[in-house]
Amino acid sequence: MSADMNMTLEQFEELAMAYGGTIARWPEEERAGAQQMLLASEAAREMLAEASALDATLDLWEAPAPSQALMARVLTDAATVSADRQSAAPAPAQPAAPKRGWFETLFGGSTGLRPAFAMACCLAVGFSLGFSGDVTIAPTETNLAAAQQTDLIDFAFAMDDDSDLLFGSGALL
């Protein structure tokens, strides 16, 4: 809200509850609108009086003094923390130089070669696996029987008229 805007009663109440009953403590851009509202509205004056009464009540409250036990604990903890900091080893003056990896050792840290080197490694592995020879798996009796049964089923479904194969005299099943 700015001073050139007309302040509503709800806005005045929000500001009074947030900043208290002394308009001098309100944000500067709100003070002129608040003064106009005070002149124009009895409800605004009542709200400001309630906020002032709350301020006075809060000003009377005093925080309780800490107990002797609490003070002793705080002082003991402070002494412990202070002693721990003094006994801690000082940090090294300079961080150690980062270790160079094998790639940087071989190629001098050129990052442009990394993708090419990775591609060459993949190619070499692929060629070595591809040209290593035929790897055949000897068929077992279970694998052979399953393959023959699959061939028969494929053949049966490839025929135009399946009823002769399934129910006729030369039924395969």
Protein backbone atom coordinates (compact mmCIF):
# COMPACT_ATOMS: atom_id res chain seq x y z
CA MET A 1 0.00 0.00 0.00
CA SER A 2 1.18 3.49 -0.67
CA ALA A 3 0.22 6.85 0.78
CA ASP A 4 -1.77 7.83 -2.29
CA MET A 5 -4.08 4.82 -1.94
CA ASN A 6 -7.08 4.89 0.34
CA MET A 7 -6.56 2.44 3.16
CA THR A 8 -9.38 0.06 4.04
CA LEU A 9 -10.35 -0.77 7.57
CA GLU A 10 -9.10 -4.35 7.14
CA GLN A 11 -5.69 -3.11 5.97
CA PHE A 12 -5.53 -0.71 8.91
CA GLU A 13 -6.34 -3.55 11.32
CA GLU A 14 -3.61 -5.76 9.79
CA LEU A 15 -1.03 -3.02 10.16
CA ALA A 16 -2.11 -2.22 13.72
CA MET A 17 -1.80 -5.89 14.74
CA ALA A 18 1.54 -6.27 12.96
CA TYR A 19 3.28 -3.02 13.99
CA GLY A 20 1.46 -2.02 17.17
CA GLY A 21 -0.40 1.02 18.42
CA THR A 22 2.27 3.61 17.63
CA ILE A 23 1.96 4.75 14.02
CA ALA A 24 5.56 6.04 14.12
CA ARG A 25 6.70 2.35 14.14
CA TRP A 26 4.73 1.54 10.98
CA PRO A 27 6.34 1.52 7.55
CA GLU A 28 6.78 5.08 6.32
CA GLU A 29 4.71 4.58 3.16
CA GLU A 30 1.73 3.48 5.30
CA ARG A 31 1.74 6.28 7.86
CA ALA A 32 -0.08 8.94 5.81
CA GLY A 33 -2.92 6.55 4.93
CA ALA A 34 -3.15 5.49 8.58
CA GLN A 35 -3.41 9.10 9.74
CA GLN A 36 -6.22 9.70 7.23
CA MET A 37 -7.99 6.54 8.43
CA LEU A 38 -7.70 7.69 12.07
CA LEU A 39 -9.33 11.01 11.25
CA ALA A 40 -12.14 9.39 9.28
CA SER A 41 -13.06 6.28 11.29
CA GLU A 42 -14.01 5.65 14.90
CA ALA A 43 -13.42 1.91 14.36
CA ALA A 44 -9.83 2.64 13.34
CA ARG A 45 -9.28 4.64 16.53
CA GLU A 46 -10.64 1.72 18.58
CA MET A 47 -8.34 -0.73 16.76
CA LEU A 48 -5.35 1.50 17.43
CA ALA A 49 -6.32 1.75 21.11
CA GLU A 50 -6.52 -2.07 21.34
CA ALA A 51 -3.10 -2.39 19.69
CA SER A 52 -1.68 0.18 22.13
CA ALA A 53 -3.14 -1.77 25.10
CA LEU A 54 -1.53 -4.97 23.77
CA ASP A 55 1.79 -3.16 23.37
CA ALA A 56 1.62 -1.94 26.97
CA THR A 57 0.86 -5.46 28.23
CA LEU A 58 3.75 -6.93 26.26
CA ASP A 59 6.09 -4.22 27.56
CA LEU A 60 5.34 -5.29 31.16
CA TRP A 61 6.53 -8.85 30.55
CA GLU A 62 10.05 -9.65 31.67
CA ALA A 63 12.00 -12.72 30.71
CA PRO A 64 12.81 -14.95 33.68
CA ALA A 65 16.39 -14.95 34.86
CA PRO A 66 18.33 -18.11 33.95
CA SER A 67 18.85 -20.60 36.75
CA GLN A 68 22.28 -21.24 38.24
CA ALA A 69 22.25 -24.78 36.78
CA LEU A 70 21.62 -23.44 33.29
CA MET A 71 24.39 -20.86 33.64
CA ALA A 72 26.83 -23.56 34.83
CA ARG A 73 25.97 -25.83 31.85
CA VAL A 74 26.39 -23.01 29.33
CA LEU A 75 29.75 -21.95 30.79
CA THR A 76 30.98 -25.56 30.91
CA ASP A 77 29.95 -26.17 27.29
CA ALA A 78 31.60 -22.92 26.19
CA ALA A 79 34.85 -23.90 27.91
CA THR A 80 34.74 -27.35 26.28
CA VAL A 81 34.16 -25.93 22.81
CA SER A 82 36.91 -23.36 23.30
CA ALA A 83 39.37 -26.03 24.45
CA ASP A 84 38.45 -28.30 21.52
CA ARG A 85 39.12 -25.50 19.04
CA GLN A 86 42.50 -24.71 20.57
CA SER A 87 43.61 -28.36 20.56
CA ALA A 88 42.52 -29.01 16.99
CA ALA A 89 45.32 -29.41 14.47
CA PRO A 90 45.77 -26.43 12.20
CA ALA A 91 44.58 -26.84 8.64
CA PRO A 92 47.24 -27.41 6.02
CA ALA A 93 48.46 -24.21 4.42
CA GLN A 94 48.01 -25.37 0.84
CA PRO A 95 45.87 -28.19 -0.49
CA ALA A 96 47.73 -31.08 -2.05
CA ALA A 97 48.02 -31.09 -5.81
CA PRO A 98 45.37 -33.29 -7.44
CA LYS A 99 46.59 -36.68 -8.57
CA ARG A 100 46.99 -37.15 -12.28
CA GLY A 101 45.22 -40.13 -13.74
CA TRP A 102 46.70 -42.54 -16.22
CA PHE A 103 44.95 -40.82 -19.14
CA GLU A 104 46.48 -37.46 -18.26
CA THR A 105 49.85 -39.11 -17.83
CA LEU A 106 49.67 -40.68 -21.31
CA PHE A 107 48.04 -37.86 -23.23
CA GLY A 108 49.03 -34.77 -21.28
CA GLY A 109 45.55 -33.82 -20.03
CA SER A 110 44.08 -33.14 -23.47
CA THR A 111 40.34 -33.46 -22.95
CA GLY A 112 39.63 -33.50 -26.69
CA LEU A 113 41.11 -36.98 -26.96
CA ARG A 114 38.89 -38.58 -24.34
CA PRO A 115 35.85 -39.22 -26.61
CA ALA A 116 38.09 -40.51 -29.40
CA PHE A 117 39.91 -42.80 -26.99
CA ALA A 118 36.62 -44.15 -25.63
CA MET A 119 35.36 -44.82 -29.16
CA ALA A 120 38.61 -46.60 -30.09
CA CYS A 121 38.36 -48.82 -27.00
CA CYS A 122 34.77 -49.77 -27.84
CA LEU A 123 35.76 -50.54 -31.42
CA ALA A 124 38.69 -52.70 -30.32
CA VAL A 125 36.53 -54.69 -27.92
CA GLY A 126 33.86 -55.15 -30.59
CA PHE A 127 36.36 -56.40 -33.19
CA SER A 128 38.03 -58.76 -30.75
CA LEU A 129 34.68 -60.29 -29.78
CA GLY A 130 33.45 -60.41 -33.37
CA PHE A 131 36.52 -62.13 -34.78
CA SER A 132 37.19 -64.45 -31.87
CA GLY A 133 35.52 -67.36 -33.69
CA ASP A 134 32.15 -69.00 -33.87
CA VAL A 135 30.71 -69.79 -30.56
CA THR A 136 28.12 -72.50 -30.97
CA ILE A 137 26.12 -74.07 -28.27
CA ALA A 138 25.74 -77.80 -28.71
CA PRO A 139 22.03 -78.64 -28.72
CA THR A 140 20.85 -80.72 -25.83
CA GLU A 141 18.00 -83.19 -26.05
CA THR A 142 15.63 -80.78 -24.31
CA ASN A 143 16.53 -77.89 -26.64
CA LEU A 144 16.23 -80.13 -29.73
CA ALA A 145 12.77 -81.42 -28.72
CA ALA A 146 11.53 -77.90 -28.01
CA ALA A 147 12.83 -76.66 -31.38
CA GLN A 148 11.10 -79.52 -33.25
CA GLN A 149 7.81 -78.90 -31.46
CA THR A 150 8.02 -75.18 -32.28
CA ASP A 151 8.66 -76.02 -35.95
CA LEU A 152 5.56 -78.23 -36.02
CA ILE A 153 3.38 -75.57 -34.46
CA ASP A 154 4.70 -72.94 -36.89
CA PHE A 155 3.98 -75.31 -39.80
CA ALA A 156 0.45 -75.98 -38.56
CA PHE A 157 -0.40 -72.29 -38.39
CA ALA A 158 1.08 -71.65 -41.83
CA MET A 159 -1.39 -73.98 -43.52
CA ASP A 160 -4.59 -72.67 -45.11
CA ASP A 161 -6.81 -75.36 -43.68
CA ASP A 162 -5.72 -76.28 -40.17
CA SER A 163 -8.58 -78.67 -39.43
CA ASP A 164 -6.97 -81.54 -41.41
CA LEU A 165 -3.73 -81.18 -39.52
CA LEU A 166 -5.29 -81.01 -36.11
CA PHE A 167 -8.21 -83.47 -36.41
CA GLY A 168 -7.57 -85.54 -39.58
CA SER A 169 -5.96 -88.94 -40.01
CA GLY A 170 -2.52 -87.41 -40.43
CA ALA A 171 -2.81 -85.18 -37.36
CA LEU A 172 0.47 -83.98 -36.06
CA LEU A 173 -0.68 -83.55 -32.48
